[in-house]
């Protein structure tokens, strides 16, 4: 591989991150914490480093820049909101899923990208 070129896997992960962000911002339409519609970002309850929940739409919500920054520094605010909205059992299940090792093949990532792209396209209608 040439220096400076991204691997197919990294490109797929980048595309997945993008489509998940687009879905979440279209789905939520505003910051789920404060209601702002400015500078929306895709916030992950469980950090993106956990690949098993990185693209899970239950793990992601729209946050404005300020609330997302606050979540990064003080995760208890977003966590308590999430538990209040979806329940402690769902939180436990998400945490359990995040602890599972998931090493998808490129074909699995491509399939997931195709699936999530179809979901995103339902918001564009």
PDB file of N, CA and C in Angstrom:
ATOM      1  N   UNK A   1       0.848  -1.186   0.000  1.00  0.00           N
ATOM      2  CA  UNK A   1       0.000   0.000   0.000  1.00  0.00           C
ATOM      3  C   UNK A   1       0.887   1.240   0.000  1.00  0.00           C
ATOM      4  N   UNK A   2       0.483   2.222  -0.784  1.00  0.00           N
ATOM      5  CA  UNK A   2       1.241   3.466  -0.859  1.00  0.00           C
ATOM      6  C   UNK A   2       1.057   4.270   0.417  1.00  0.00           C
ATOM      7  N   UNK A   3       2.098   5.017   0.770  1.00  0.00           N
ATOM      8  CA  UNK A   3       1.980   5.913   1.911  1.00  0.00           C
ATOM      9  C   UNK A   3       0.908   6.958   1.634  1.00  0.00           C
ATOM     10  N   UNK A   4       0.134   7.264   2.656  1.00  0.00           N
ATOM     11  CA  UNK A   4      -0.873   8.304   2.523  1.00  0.00           C
ATOM     12  C   UNK A   4      -2.210   7.823   1.980  1.00  0.00           C
ATOM     13  N   UNK A   5      -2.310   6.563   1.564  1.00  0.00           N
ATOM     14  CA  UNK A   5      -3.594   6.060   1.077  1.00  0.00           C
ATOM     15  C   UNK A   5      -4.290   5.303   2.200  1.00  0.00           C
ATOM     16  N   UNK A   6      -5.598   5.437   2.231  1.00  0.00           N
ATOM     17  CA  UNK A   6      -6.375   4.759   3.266  1.00  0.00           C
ATOM     18  C   UNK A   6      -6.717   3.347   2.801  1.00  0.00           C
ATOM     19  N   UNK A   7      -6.719   2.439   3.759  1.00  0.00           N
ATOM     20  CA  UNK A   7      -7.116   1.085   3.429  1.00  0.00           C
ATOM     21  C   UNK A   7      -8.616   1.046   3.155  1.00  0.00           C
ATOM     22  N   UNK A   8      -9.045   0.020   2.466  1.00  0.00           N
ATOM     23  CA  UNK A   8     -10.464  -0.168   2.181  1.00  0.00           C
ATOM     24  C   UNK A   8     -11.256  -0.196   3.479  1.00  0.00           C
ATOM     25  N   UNK A   9     -10.744  -0.874   4.477  1.00  0.00           N
ATOM     26  CA  UNK A   9     -11.433  -0.986   5.766  1.00  0.00           C
ATOM     27  C   UNK A   9     -11.623   0.387   6.420  1.00  0.00           C
ATOM     28  N   UNK A  10     -10.578   1.188   6.429  1.00  0.00           N
ATOM     29  CA  UNK A  10     -10.678   2.521   7.025  1.00  0.00           C
ATOM     30  C   UNK A  10     -11.673   3.383   6.264  1.00  0.00           C
ATOM     31  N   UNK A  11     -11.700   3.264   4.946  1.00  0.00           N
ATOM     32  CA  UNK A  11     -12.654   4.024   4.140  1.00  0.00           C
ATOM     33  C   UNK A  11     -14.082   3.586   4.459  1.00  0.00           C
ATOM     34  N   UNK A  12     -14.287   2.285   4.616  1.00  0.00           N
ATOM     35  CA  UNK A  12     -15.621   1.786   4.956  1.00  0.00           C
ATOM     36  C   UNK A  12     -16.077   2.313   6.317  1.00  0.00           C
ATOM     37  N   UNK A  13     -15.179   2.294   7.287  1.00  0.00           N
ATOM     38  CA  UNK A  13     -15.512   2.787   8.626  1.00  0.00           C
ATOM     39  C   UNK A  13     -15.826   4.279   8.570  1.00  0.00           C
ATOM     40  N   UNK A  14     -15.069   5.032   7.794  1.00  0.00           N
ATOM     41  CA  UNK A  14     -15.327   6.461   7.642  1.00  0.00           C
ATOM     42  C   UNK A  14     -16.700   6.699   7.004  1.00  0.00           C
ATOM     43  N   UNK A  15     -17.042   5.913   5.977  1.00  0.00           N
ATOM     44  CA  UNK A  15     -18.350   6.041   5.336  1.00  0.00           C
ATOM     45  C   UNK A  15     -19.467   5.668   6.302  1.00  0.00           C
ATOM     46  N   UNK A  16     -19.244   4.636   7.113  1.00  0.00           N
ATOM     47  CA  UNK A  16     -20.240   4.243   8.108  1.00  0.00           C
ATOM     48  C   UNK A  16     -20.436   5.341   9.147  1.00  0.00           C
ATOM     49  N   UNK A  17     -19.343   5.929   9.611  1.00  0.00           N
ATOM     50  CA  UNK A  17     -19.446   7.043  10.562  1.00  0.00           C
ATOM     51  C   UNK A  17     -20.286   8.179   9.963  1.00  0.00           C
ATOM     52  N   UNK A  18     -20.052   8.476   8.704  1.00  0.00           N
ATOM     53  CA  UNK A  18     -20.776   9.560   8.042  1.00  0.00           C
ATOM     54  C   UNK A  18     -22.255   9.255   7.936  1.00  0.00           C
ATOM     55  N   UNK A  19     -22.606   8.061   7.473  1.00  0.00           N
ATOM     56  CA  UNK A  19     -24.026   7.747   7.285  1.00  0.00           C
ATOM     57  C   UNK A  19     -24.749   7.650   8.631  1.00  0.00           C
ATOM     58  N   UNK A  20     -24.087   7.131   9.664  1.00  0.00           N
ATOM     59  CA  UNK A  20     -24.699   7.101  10.991  1.00  0.00           C
ATOM     60  C   UNK A  20     -24.964   8.519  11.478  1.00  0.00           C
ATOM     61  N   UNK A  21     -24.016   9.410  11.300  1.00  0.00           N
ATOM     62  CA  UNK A  21     -24.187  10.799  11.707  1.00  0.00           C
ATOM     63  C   UNK A  21     -25.353  11.450  10.952  1.00  0.00           C
ATOM     64  N   UNK A  22     -25.437  11.199   9.654  1.00  0.00           N
ATOM     65  CA  UNK A  22     -26.532  11.756   8.857  1.00  0.00           C
ATOM     66  C   UNK A  22     -27.887  11.239   9.334  1.00  0.00           C
ATOM     67  N   UNK A  23     -27.966   9.942   9.607  1.00  0.00           N
ATOM     68  CA  UNK A  23     -29.218   9.343  10.090  1.00  0.00           C
ATOM     69  C   UNK A  23     -29.623   9.971  11.415  1.00  0.00           C
ATOM     70  N   UNK A  24     -28.691  10.028  12.334  1.00  0.00           N
ATOM     71  CA  UNK A  24     -28.990  10.513  13.689  1.00  0.00           C
ATOM     72  C   UNK A  24     -29.443  11.965  13.656  1.00  0.00           C
ATOM     73  N   UNK A  25     -28.748  12.800  12.905  1.00  0.00           N
ATOM     74  CA  UNK A  25     -29.124  14.211  12.848  1.00  0.00           C
ATOM     75  C   UNK A  25     -30.467  14.404  12.143  1.00  0.00           C
ATOM     76  N   UNK A  26     -30.754  13.571  11.110  1.00  0.00           N
ATOM     77  CA  UNK A  26     -32.051  13.646  10.427  1.00  0.00           C
ATOM     78  C   UNK A  26     -33.163  13.104  11.331  1.00  0.00           C
ATOM     79  N   UNK A  27     -32.884  12.017  12.022  1.00  0.00           N
ATOM     80  CA  UNK A  27     -33.877  11.382  12.901  1.00  0.00           C
ATOM     81  C   UNK A  27     -34.255  12.294  14.065  1.00  0.00           C
ATOM     82  N   UNK A  28     -33.254  12.848  14.733  1.00  0.00           N
ATOM     83  CA  UNK A  28     -33.515  13.624  15.943  1.00  0.00           C
ATOM     84  C   UNK A  28     -33.880  15.077  15.638  1.00  0.00           C
ATOM     85  N   UNK A  29     -33.239  15.673  14.648  1.00  0.00           N
ATOM     86  CA  UNK A  29     -33.580  17.022  14.227  1.00  0.00           C
ATOM     87  C   UNK A  29     -33.171  18.144  15.167  1.00  0.00           C
ATOM     88  N   UNK A  30     -32.825  17.798  16.373  1.00  0.00           N
ATOM     89  CA  UNK A  30     -32.398  18.795  17.364  1.00  0.00           C
ATOM     90  C   UNK A  30     -31.598  18.079  18.442  1.00  0.00           C
ATOM     91  N   UNK A  31     -30.897  18.842  19.231  1.00  0.00           N
ATOM     92  CA  UNK A  31     -30.143  18.275  20.345  1.00  0.00           C
ATOM     93  C   UNK A  31     -31.137  17.638  21.318  1.00  0.00           C
ATOM     94  N   UNK A  32     -30.925  16.379  21.633  1.00  0.00           N
ATOM     95  CA  UNK A  32     -31.858  15.677  22.519  1.00  0.00           C
ATOM     96  C   UNK A  32     -31.755  16.169  23.956  1.00  0.00           C
ATOM     97  N   UNK A  33     -30.690  16.865  24.283  1.00  0.00           N
ATOM     98  CA  UNK A  33     -30.496  17.353  25.646  1.00  0.00           C
ATOM     99  C   UNK A  33     -31.115  18.742  25.834  1.00  0.00           C
ATOM    100  N   UNK A  34     -30.734  19.696  24.983  1.00  0.00           N
ATOM    101  CA  UNK A  34     -31.187  21.087  25.191  1.00  0.00           C
ATOM    102  C   UNK A  34     -32.177  21.579  24.150  1.00  0.00           C
ATOM    103  N   UNK A  35     -32.357  20.845  23.053  1.00  0.00           N
ATOM    104  CA  UNK A  35     -33.312  21.245  22.027  1.00  0.00           C
ATOM    105  C   UNK A  35     -32.772  22.152  20.937  1.00  0.00           C
ATOM    106  N   UNK A  36     -31.505  22.525  21.014  1.00  0.00           N
ATOM    107  CA  UNK A  36     -30.910  23.395  19.995  1.00  0.00           C
ATOM    108  C   UNK A  36     -30.874  22.679  18.645  1.00  0.00           C
ATOM    109  N   UNK A  37     -31.015  23.456  17.578  1.00  0.00           N
ATOM    110  CA  UNK A  37     -30.896  22.902  16.225  1.00  0.00           C
ATOM    111  C   UNK A  37     -29.597  23.348  15.558  1.00  0.00           C
ATOM    112  N   UNK A  38     -28.731  24.006  16.303  1.00  0.00           N
ATOM    113  CA  UNK A  38     -27.483  24.530  15.744  1.00  0.00           C
ATOM    114  C   UNK A  38     -26.324  23.588  16.029  1.00  0.00           C
ATOM    115  N   UNK A  39     -25.432  23.470  15.067  1.00  0.00           N
ATOM    116  CA  UNK A  39     -24.190  22.693  15.186  1.00  0.00           C
ATOM    117  C   UNK A  39     -24.448  21.285  15.728  1.00  0.00           C
ATOM    118  N   UNK A  40     -25.395  20.574  15.102  1.00  0.00           N
ATOM    119  CA  UNK A  40     -25.703  19.220  15.562  1.00  0.00           C
ATOM    120  C   UNK A  40     -24.584  18.256  15.203  1.00  0.00           C
ATOM    121  N   UNK A  41     -24.331  17.371  16.125  1.00  0.00           N
ATOM    122  CA  UNK A  41     -23.317  16.331  15.961  1.00  0.00           C
ATOM    123  C   UNK A  41     -23.915  15.003  16.382  1.00  0.00           C
ATOM    124  N   UNK A  42     -23.300  13.943  15.936  1.00  0.00           N
ATOM    125  CA  UNK A  42     -23.697  12.605  16.350  1.00  0.00           C
ATOM    126  C   UNK A  42     -22.916  12.256  17.614  1.00  0.00           C
ATOM    127  N   UNK A  43     -23.634  12.143  18.718  1.00  0.00           N
ATOM    128  CA  UNK A  43     -22.997  11.829  19.991  1.00  0.00           C
ATOM    129  C   UNK A  43     -23.206  10.351  20.313  1.00  0.00           C
ATOM    130  N   UNK A  44     -22.148   9.688  20.693  1.00  0.00           N
ATOM    131  CA  UNK A  44     -22.199   8.282  21.068  1.00  0.00           C
ATOM    132  C   UNK A  44     -22.239   8.177  22.588  1.00  0.00           C
ATOM    133  N   UNK A  45     -23.255   7.495  23.104  1.00  0.00           N
ATOM    134  CA  UNK A  45     -23.317   7.271  24.548  1.00  0.00           C
ATOM    135  C   UNK A  45     -22.080   6.485  24.982  1.00  0.00           C
ATOM    136  N   UNK A  46     -21.847   5.369  24.320  1.00  0.00           N
ATOM    137  CA  UNK A  46     -20.637   4.581  24.541  1.00  0.00           C
ATOM    138  C   UNK A  46     -19.662   4.954  23.433  1.00  0.00           C
ATOM    139  N   UNK A  47     -18.498   5.339  23.804  1.00  0.00           N
ATOM    140  CA  UNK A  47     -17.526   5.923  22.877  1.00  0.00           C
ATOM    141  C   UNK A  47     -17.300   5.086  21.622  1.00  0.00           C
ATOM    142  N   UNK A  48     -16.916   5.764  20.556  1.00  0.00           N
ATOM    143  CA  UNK A  48     -16.722   5.148  19.238  1.00  0.00           C
ATOM    144  C   UNK A  48     -15.640   4.078  19.202  1.00  0.00           C
ATOM    145  N   UNK A  49     -14.780   4.057  20.172  1.00  0.00           N
ATOM    146  CA  UNK A  49     -13.718   3.053  20.206  1.00  0.00           C
ATOM    147  C   UNK A  49     -14.247   1.634  20.337  1.00  0.00           C
ATOM    148  N   UNK A  50     -15.472   1.498  20.799  1.00  0.00           N
ATOM    149  CA  UNK A  50     -16.113   0.177  20.916  1.00  0.00           C
ATOM    150  C   UNK A  50     -16.827  -0.110  19.600  1.00  0.00           C
ATOM    151  N   UNK A  51     -16.177  -0.840  18.722  1.00  0.00           N
ATOM    152  CA  UNK A  51     -16.704  -1.073  17.378  1.00  0.00           C
ATOM    153  C   UNK A  51     -18.058  -1.785  17.414  1.00  0.00           C
ATOM    154  N   UNK A  52     -18.299  -2.603  18.425  1.00  0.00           N
ATOM    155  CA  UNK A  52     -19.554  -3.356  18.488  1.00  0.00           C
ATOM    156  C   UNK A  52     -20.776  -2.461  18.664  1.00  0.00           C
ATOM    157  N   UNK A  53     -20.596  -1.242  19.156  1.00  0.00           N
ATOM    158  CA  UNK A  53     -21.726  -0.308  19.301  1.00  0.00           C
ATOM    159  C   UNK A  53     -21.502   0.996  18.537  1.00  0.00           C
ATOM    160  N   UNK A  54     -20.415   1.110  17.836  1.00  0.00           N
ATOM    161  CA  UNK A  54     -20.076   2.362  17.144  1.00  0.00           C
ATOM    162  C   UNK A  54     -21.143   2.780  16.133  1.00  0.00           C
ATOM    163  N   UNK A  55     -21.720   1.815  15.421  1.00  0.00           N
ATOM    164  CA  UNK A  55     -22.697   2.117  14.380  1.00  0.00           C
ATOM    165  C   UNK A  55     -24.122   1.761  14.813  1.00  0.00           C
ATOM    166  N   UNK A  56     -24.309   1.478  16.092  1.00  0.00           N
ATOM    167  CA  UNK A  56     -25.616   1.128  16.645  1.00  0.00           C
ATOM    168  C   UNK A  56     -26.413   2.414  16.845  1.00  0.00           C
ATOM    169  N   UNK A  57     -27.534   2.526  16.163  1.00  0.00           N
ATOM    170  CA  UNK A  57     -28.322   3.754  16.228  1.00  0.00           C
ATOM    171  C   UNK A  57     -28.909   3.997  17.611  1.00  0.00           C
ATOM    172  N   UNK A  58     -29.047   2.972  18.425  1.00  0.00           N
ATOM    173  CA  UNK A  58     -29.491   3.157  19.812  1.00  0.00           C
ATOM    174  C   UNK A  58     -28.406   3.812  20.658  1.00  0.00           C
ATOM    175  N   UNK A  59     -27.170   3.702  20.225  1.00  0.00           N
ATOM    176  CA  UNK A  59     -26.042   4.276  20.956  1.00  0.00           C
ATOM    177  C   UNK A  59     -25.796   5.740  20.577  1.00  0.00           C
ATOM    178  N   UNK A  60     -26.509   6.219  19.575  1.00  0.00           N
ATOM    179  CA  UNK A  60     -26.227   7.545  19.024  1.00  0.00           C
ATOM    180  C   UNK A  60     -27.445   8.455  19.090  1.00  0.00           C
ATOM    181  N   UNK A  61     -27.198   9.702  19.416  1.00  0.00           N
ATOM    182  CA  UNK A  61     -28.230  10.734  19.411  1.00  0.00           C
ATOM    183  C   UNK A  61     -27.607  12.039  18.965  1.00  0.00           C
ATOM    184  N   UNK A  62     -28.457  12.941  18.478  1.00  0.00           N
ATOM    185  CA  UNK A  62     -27.982  14.263  18.089  1.00  0.00           C
ATOM    186  C   UNK A  62     -27.756  15.106  19.337  1.00  0.00           C
ATOM    187  N   UNK A  63     -26.599  15.711  19.404  1.00  0.00           N
ATOM    188  CA  UNK A  63     -26.261  16.688  20.445  1.00  0.00           C
ATOM    189  C   UNK A  63     -25.718  17.923  19.746  1.00  0.00           C
ATOM    190  N   UNK A  64     -26.014  19.079  20.298  1.00  0.00           N
ATOM    191  CA  UNK A  64     -25.369  20.291  19.796  1.00  0.00           C
ATOM    192  C   UNK A  64     -23.897  20.225  20.229  1.00  0.00           C
ATOM    193  N   UNK A  65     -23.109  21.094  19.662  1.00  0.00           N
ATOM    194  CA  UNK A  65     -21.682  21.106  19.978  1.00  0.00           C
ATOM    195  C   UNK A  65     -21.436  21.236  21.483  1.00  0.00           C
ATOM    196  N   UNK A  66     -22.168  22.133  22.139  1.00  0.00           N
ATOM    197  CA  UNK A  66     -21.968  22.361  23.571  1.00  0.00           C
ATOM    198  C   UNK A  66     -22.329  21.149  24.420  1.00  0.00           C
ATOM    199  N   UNK A  67     -23.480  20.524  24.125  1.00  0.00           N
ATOM    200  CA  UNK A  67     -23.888  19.352  24.913  1.00  0.00           C
ATOM    201  C   UNK A  67     -22.973  18.157  24.645  1.00  0.00           C
ATOM    202  N   UNK A  68     -22.497  18.031  23.400  1.00  0.00           N
ATOM    203  CA  UNK A  68     -21.587  16.933  23.091  1.00  0.00           C
ATOM    204  C   UNK A  68     -20.261  17.119  23.827  1.00  0.00           C
ATOM    205  N   UNK A  69     -19.790  18.343  23.886  1.00  0.00           N
ATOM    206  CA  UNK A  69     -18.557  18.635  24.623  1.00  0.00           C
ATOM    207  C   UNK A  69     -18.758  18.341  26.105  1.00  0.00           C
ATOM    208  N   UNK A  70     -19.893  18.768  26.634  1.00  0.00           N
ATOM    209  CA  UNK A  70     -20.185  18.494  28.049  1.00  0.00           C
ATOM    210  C   UNK A  70     -20.249  16.991  28.307  1.00  0.00           C
ATOM    211  N   UNK A  71     -20.863  16.256  27.354  1.00  0.00           N
ATOM    212  CA  UNK A  71     -20.944  14.798  27.488  1.00  0.00           C
ATOM    213  C   UNK A  71     -19.547  14.173  27.524  1.00  0.00           C
ATOM    214  N   UNK A  72     -18.655  14.696  26.700  1.00  0.00           N
ATOM    215  CA  UNK A  72     -17.293  14.150  26.681  1.00  0.00           C
ATOM    216  C   UNK A  72     -16.576  14.380  28.006  1.00  0.00           C
ATOM    217  N   UNK A  73     -16.852  15.508  28.642  1.00  0.00           N
ATOM    218  CA  UNK A  73     -16.192  15.834  29.905  1.00  0.00           C
ATOM    219  C   UNK A  73     -16.931  15.305  31.131  1.00  0.00           C
ATOM    220  N   UNK A  74     -18.253  15.252  31.036  1.00  0.00           N
ATOM    221  CA  UNK A  74     -19.093  14.815  32.157  1.00  0.00           C
ATOM    222  C   UNK A  74     -20.158  13.856  31.625  1.00  0.00           C
ATOM    223  N   UNK A  75     -19.800  12.610  31.366  1.00  0.00           N
ATOM    224  CA  UNK A  75     -20.721  11.672  30.709  1.00  0.00           C
ATOM    225  C   UNK A  75     -21.999  11.369  31.493  1.00  0.00           C
ATOM    226  N   UNK A  76     -22.016  11.661  32.773  1.00  0.00           N
ATOM    227  CA  UNK A  76     -23.198  11.315  33.579  1.00  0.00           C
ATOM    228  C   UNK A  76     -24.453  12.068  33.136  1.00  0.00           C
ATOM    229  N   UNK A  77     -24.337  13.277  32.568  1.00  0.00           N
ATOM    230  CA  UNK A  77     -25.506  14.027  32.126  1.00  0.00           C
ATOM    231  C   UNK A  77     -26.221  13.305  30.987  1.00  0.00           C
ATOM    232  N   UNK A  78     -25.461  12.930  29.975  1.00  0.00           N
ATOM    233  CA  UNK A  78     -26.032  12.225  28.824  1.00  0.00           C
ATOM    234  C   UNK A  78     -26.482  10.828  29.229  1.00  0.00           C
ATOM    235  N   UNK A  79     -25.705  10.158  30.046  1.00  0.00           N
ATOM    236  CA  UNK A  79     -26.065   8.807  30.489  1.00  0.00           C
ATOM    237  C   UNK A  79     -27.380   8.819  31.256  1.00  0.00           C
ATOM    238  N   UNK A  80     -27.562   9.767  32.149  1.00  0.00           N
ATOM    239  CA  UNK A  80     -28.809   9.824  32.921  1.00  0.00           C
ATOM    240  C   UNK A  80     -29.988  10.147  32.008  1.00  0.00           C
ATOM    241  N   UNK A  81     -29.792  11.038  31.031  1.00  0.00           N
ATOM    242  CA  UNK A  81     -30.856  11.323  30.057  1.00  0.00           C
ATOM    243  C   UNK A  81     -31.221  10.056  29.305  1.00  0.00           C
ATOM    244  N   UNK A  82     -30.202   9.322  28.825  1.00  0.00           N
ATOM    245  CA  UNK A  82     -30.417   8.123  28.024  1.00  0.00           C
ATOM    246  C   UNK A  82     -31.177   7.077  28.836  1.00  0.00           C
ATOM    247  N   UNK A  83     -30.778   6.847  30.071  1.00  0.00           N
ATOM    248  CA  UNK A  83     -31.441   5.861  30.930  1.00  0.00           C
ATOM    249  C   UNK A  83     -32.895   6.279  31.194  1.00  0.00           C
ATOM    250  N   UNK A  84     -33.115   7.571  31.430  1.00  0.00           N
ATOM    251  CA  UNK A  84     -34.478   8.055  31.668  1.00  0.00           C
ATOM    252  C   UNK A  84     -35.362   7.824  30.444  1.00  0.00           C
ATOM    253  N   UNK A  85     -34.792   8.005  29.254  1.00  0.00           N
ATOM    254  CA  UNK A  85     -35.556   7.872  28.018  1.00  0.00           C
ATOM    255  C   UNK A  85     -35.765   6.408  27.616  1.00  0.00           C
ATOM    256  N   UNK A  86     -34.733   5.585  27.739  1.00  0.00           N
ATOM    257  CA  UNK A  86     -34.794   4.230  27.193  1.00  0.00           C
ATOM    258  C   UNK A  86     -34.803   3.134  28.242  1.00  0.00           C
ATOM    259  N   UNK A  87     -34.469   3.461  29.470  1.00  0.00           N
ATOM    260  CA  UNK A  87     -34.561   2.487  30.544  1.00  0.00           C
ATOM    261  C   UNK A  87     -33.226   1.872  30.930  1.00  0.00           C
ATOM    262  N   UNK A  88     -33.164   1.463  32.193  1.00  0.00           N
ATOM    263  CA  UNK A  88     -31.943   0.877  32.739  1.00  0.00           C
ATOM    264  C   UNK A  88     -31.615  -0.464  32.096  1.00  0.00           C
ATOM    265  N   UNK A  89     -32.643  -1.254  31.781  1.00  0.00           N
ATOM    266  CA  UNK A  89     -32.399  -2.547  31.144  1.00  0.00           C
ATOM    267  C   UNK A  89     -31.766  -2.363  29.767  1.00  0.00           C
ATOM    268  N   UNK A  90     -32.302  -1.419  28.981  1.00  0.00           N
ATOM    269  CA  UNK A  90     -31.740  -1.152  27.653  1.00  0.00           C
ATOM    270  C   UNK A  90     -30.301  -0.652  27.765  1.00  0.00           C
ATOM    271  N   UNK A  91     -30.032   0.152  28.789  1.00  0.00           N
ATOM    272  CA  UNK A  91     -28.668   0.632  29.015  1.00  0.00           C
ATOM    273  C   UNK A  91     -27.735  -0.541  29.314  1.00  0.00           C
ATOM    274  N   UNK A  92     -28.178  -1.442  30.185  1.00  0.00           N
ATOM    275  CA  UNK A  92     -27.374  -2.617  30.503  1.00  0.00           C
ATOM    276  C   UNK A  92     -27.098  -3.472  29.276  1.00  0.00           C
ATOM    277  N   UNK A  93     -28.100  -3.618  28.425  1.00  0.00           N
ATOM    278  CA  UNK A  93     -27.929  -4.402  27.193  1.00  0.00           C
ATOM    279  C   UNK A  93     -26.932  -3.725  26.248  1.00  0.00           C
ATOM    280  N   UNK A  94     -27.002  -2.400  26.162  1.00  0.00           N
ATOM    281  CA  UNK A  94     -26.070  -1.671  25.300  1.00  0.00           C
ATOM    282  C   UNK A  94     -24.644  -1.780  25.833  1.00  0.00           C
ATOM    283  N   UNK A  95     -24.485  -1.660  27.133  1.00  0.00           N
ATOM    284  CA  UNK A  95     -23.156  -1.799  27.739  1.00  0.00           C
ATOM    285  C   UNK A  95     -22.624  -3.209  27.495  1.00  0.00           C
ATOM    286  N   UNK A  96     -23.484  -4.197  27.666  1.00  0.00           N
ATOM    287  CA  UNK A  96     -23.073  -5.583  27.427  1.00  0.00           C
ATOM    288  C   UNK A  96     -22.634  -5.777  25.975  1.00  0.00           C
ATOM    289  N   UNK A  97     -23.412  -5.224  25.048  1.00  0.00           N
ATOM    290  CA  UNK A  97     -23.053  -5.317  23.627  1.00  0.00           C
ATOM    291  C   UNK A  97     -21.713  -4.631  23.367  1.00  0.00           C
ATOM    292  N   UNK A  98     -21.476  -3.501  24.037  1.00  0.00           N
ATOM    293  CA  UNK A  98     -20.231  -2.753  23.812  1.00  0.00           C
ATOM    294  C   UNK A  98     -19.004  -3.540  24.269  1.00  0.00           C
ATOM    295  N   UNK A  99     -19.200  -4.465  25.197  1.00  0.00           N
ATOM    296  CA  UNK A  99     -18.095  -5.264  25.719  1.00  0.00           C
ATOM    297  C   UNK A  99     -17.797  -6.494  24.878  1.00  0.00           C
ATOM    298  N   UNK A 100     -18.602  -6.725  23.851  1.00  0.00           N
ATOM    299  CA  UNK A 100     -18.379  -7.859  22.959  1.00  0.00           C
ATOM    300  C   UNK A 100     -17.362  -7.471  21.885  1.00  0.00           C
ATOM    301  N   UNK A 101     -16.463  -8.358  21.617  1.00  0.00           N
ATOM    302  CA  UNK A 101     -15.477  -8.128  20.563  1.00  0.00           C
ATOM    303  C   UNK A 101     -16.147  -8.363  19.215  1.00  0.00           C
ATOM    304  N   UNK A 102     -16.044  -7.392  18.336  1.00  0.00           N
ATOM    305  CA  UNK A 102     -16.612  -7.514  16.991  1.00  0.00           C
ATOM    306  C   UNK A 102     -15.566  -7.100  15.988  1.00  0.00           C
ATOM    307  N   UNK A 103     -15.118  -8.059  15.206  1.00  0.00           N
ATOM    308  CA  UNK A 103     -14.123  -7.794  14.167  1.00  0.00           C
ATOM    309  C   UNK A 103     -14.747  -8.158  12.826  1.00  0.00           C
ATOM    310  N   UNK A 104     -15.550  -7.237  12.279  1.00  0.00           N
ATOM    311  CA  UNK A 104     -16.246  -7.541  11.029  1.00  0.00           C
ATOM    312  C   UNK A 104     -15.298  -7.577   9.836  1.00  0.00           C
ATOM    313  N   UNK A 105     -15.665  -8.397   8.879  1.00  0.00           N
ATOM    314  CA  UNK A 105     -14.927  -8.421   7.615  1.00  0.00           C
ATOM    315  C   UNK A 105     -15.331  -7.189   6.804  1.00  0.00           C
ATOM    316  N   UNK A 106     -14.575  -6.920   5.772  1.00  0.00           N
ATOM    317  CA  UNK A 106     -14.933  -5.801   4.892  1.00  0.00           C
ATOM    318  C   UNK A 106     -16.311  -6.040   4.272  1.00  0.00           C
ATOM    319  N   UNK A 107     -16.613  -7.297   3.950  1.00  0.00           N
ATOM    320  CA  UNK A 107     -17.923  -7.622   3.371  1.00  0.00           C
ATOM    321  C   UNK A 107     -19.036  -7.316   4.371  1.00  0.00           C
ATOM    322  N   UNK A 108     -18.825  -7.605   5.646  1.00  0.00           N
ATOM    323  CA  UNK A 108     -19.822  -7.277   6.672  1.00  0.00           C
ATOM    324  C   UNK A 108     -19.996  -5.768   6.804  1.00  0.00           C
ATOM    325  N   UNK A 109     -18.891  -5.047   6.757  1.00  0.00           N
ATOM    326  CA  UNK A 109     -18.972  -3.582   6.821  1.00  0.00           C
ATOM    327  C   UNK A 109     -19.710  -3.027   5.610  1.00  0.00           C
ATOM    328  N   UNK A 110     -19.463  -3.581   4.439  1.00  0.00           N
ATOM    329  CA  UNK A 110     -20.157  -3.142   3.224  1.00  0.00           C
ATOM    330  C   UNK A 110     -21.658  -3.416   3.336  1.00  0.00           C
ATOM    331  N   UNK A 111     -22.025  -4.587   3.882  1.00  0.00           N
ATOM    332  CA  UNK A 111     -23.433  -4.912   4.082  1.00  0.00           C
ATOM    333  C   UNK A 111     -24.101  -3.961   5.057  1.00  0.00           C
ATOM    334  N   UNK A 112     -23.398  -3.629   6.128  1.00  0.00           N
ATOM    335  CA  UNK A 112     -23.923  -2.689   7.113  1.00  0.00           C
ATOM    336  C   UNK A 112     -24.084  -1.302   6.493  1.00  0.00           C
ATOM    337  N   UNK A 113     -23.118  -0.896   5.682  1.00  0.00           N
ATOM    338  CA  UNK A 113     -23.194   0.399   5.000  1.00  0.00           C
ATOM    339  C   UNK A 113     -24.410   0.438   4.075  1.00  0.00           C
ATOM    340  N   UNK A 114     -24.640  -0.632   3.350  1.00  0.00           N
ATOM    341  CA  UNK A 114     -25.795  -0.700   2.452  1.00  0.00           C
ATOM    342  C   UNK A 114     -27.103  -0.595   3.260  1.00  0.00           C
ATOM    343  N   UNK A 115     -27.181  -1.318   4.371  1.00  0.00           N
ATOM    344  CA  UNK A 115     -28.359  -1.294   5.239  1.00  0.00           C
ATOM    345  C   UNK A 115     -28.602   0.105   5.809  1.00  0.00           C
ATOM    346  N   UNK A 116     -27.570   0.730   6.333  1.00  0.00           N
ATOM    347  CA  UNK A 116     -27.717   2.060   6.931  1.00  0.00           C
ATOM    348  C   UNK A 116     -28.006   3.125   5.879  1.00  0.00           C
ATOM    349  N   UNK A 117     -27.473   2.967   4.689  1.00  0.00           N
ATOM    350  CA  UNK A 117     -27.762   3.904   3.607  1.00  0.00           C
ATOM    351  C   UNK A 117     -29.239   3.852   3.248  1.00  0.00           C
ATOM    352  N   UNK A 118     -29.822   2.654   3.246  1.00  0.00           N
ATOM    353  CA  UNK A 118     -31.263   2.524   2.984  1.00  0.00           C
ATOM    354  C   UNK A 118     -32.062   3.236   4.074  1.00  0.00           C
ATOM    355  N   UNK A 119     -31.641   3.090   5.311  1.00  0.00           N
ATOM    356  CA  UNK A 119     -32.320   3.789   6.406  1.00  0.00           C
ATOM    357  C   UNK A 119     -32.224   5.296   6.191  1.00  0.00           C
ATOM    358  N   UNK A 120     -31.034   5.781   5.878  1.00  0.00           N
ATOM    359  CA  UNK A 120     -30.862   7.221   5.661  1.00  0.00           C
ATOM    360  C   UNK A 120     -31.754   7.715   4.529  1.00  0.00           C
ATOM    361  N   UNK A 121     -31.862   6.937   3.476  1.00  0.00           N
ATOM    362  CA  UNK A 121     -32.662   7.353   2.335  1.00  0.00           C
ATOM    363  C   UNK A 121     -34.140   7.519   2.692  1.00  0.00           C
ATOM    364  N   UNK A 122     -34.613   6.844   3.723  1.00  0.00           N
ATOM    365  CA  UNK A 122     -36.008   7.030   4.156  1.00  0.00           C
ATOM    366  C   UNK A 122     -36.216   8.412   4.760  1.00  0.00           C
ATOM    367  N   UNK A 123     -35.156   9.015   5.287  1.00  0.00           N
ATOM    368  CA  UNK A 123     -35.247  10.365   5.868  1.00  0.00           C
ATOM    369  C   UNK A 123     -35.164  11.445   4.806  1.00  0.00           C
ATOM    370  N   UNK A 124     -34.631  11.103   3.648  1.00  0.00           N
ATOM    371  CA  UNK A 124     -34.430  12.089   2.586  1.00  0.00           C
ATOM    372  C   UNK A 124     -35.678  12.292   1.740  1.00  0.00           C
ATOM    373  N   UNK A 125     -36.683  11.445   1.886  1.00  0.00           N
ATOM    374  CA  UNK A 125     -37.889  11.506   1.048  1.00  0.00           C
ATOM    375  C   UNK A 125     -38.679  12.752   1.292  1.00  0.00           C
TER     376      UNK A 125
END
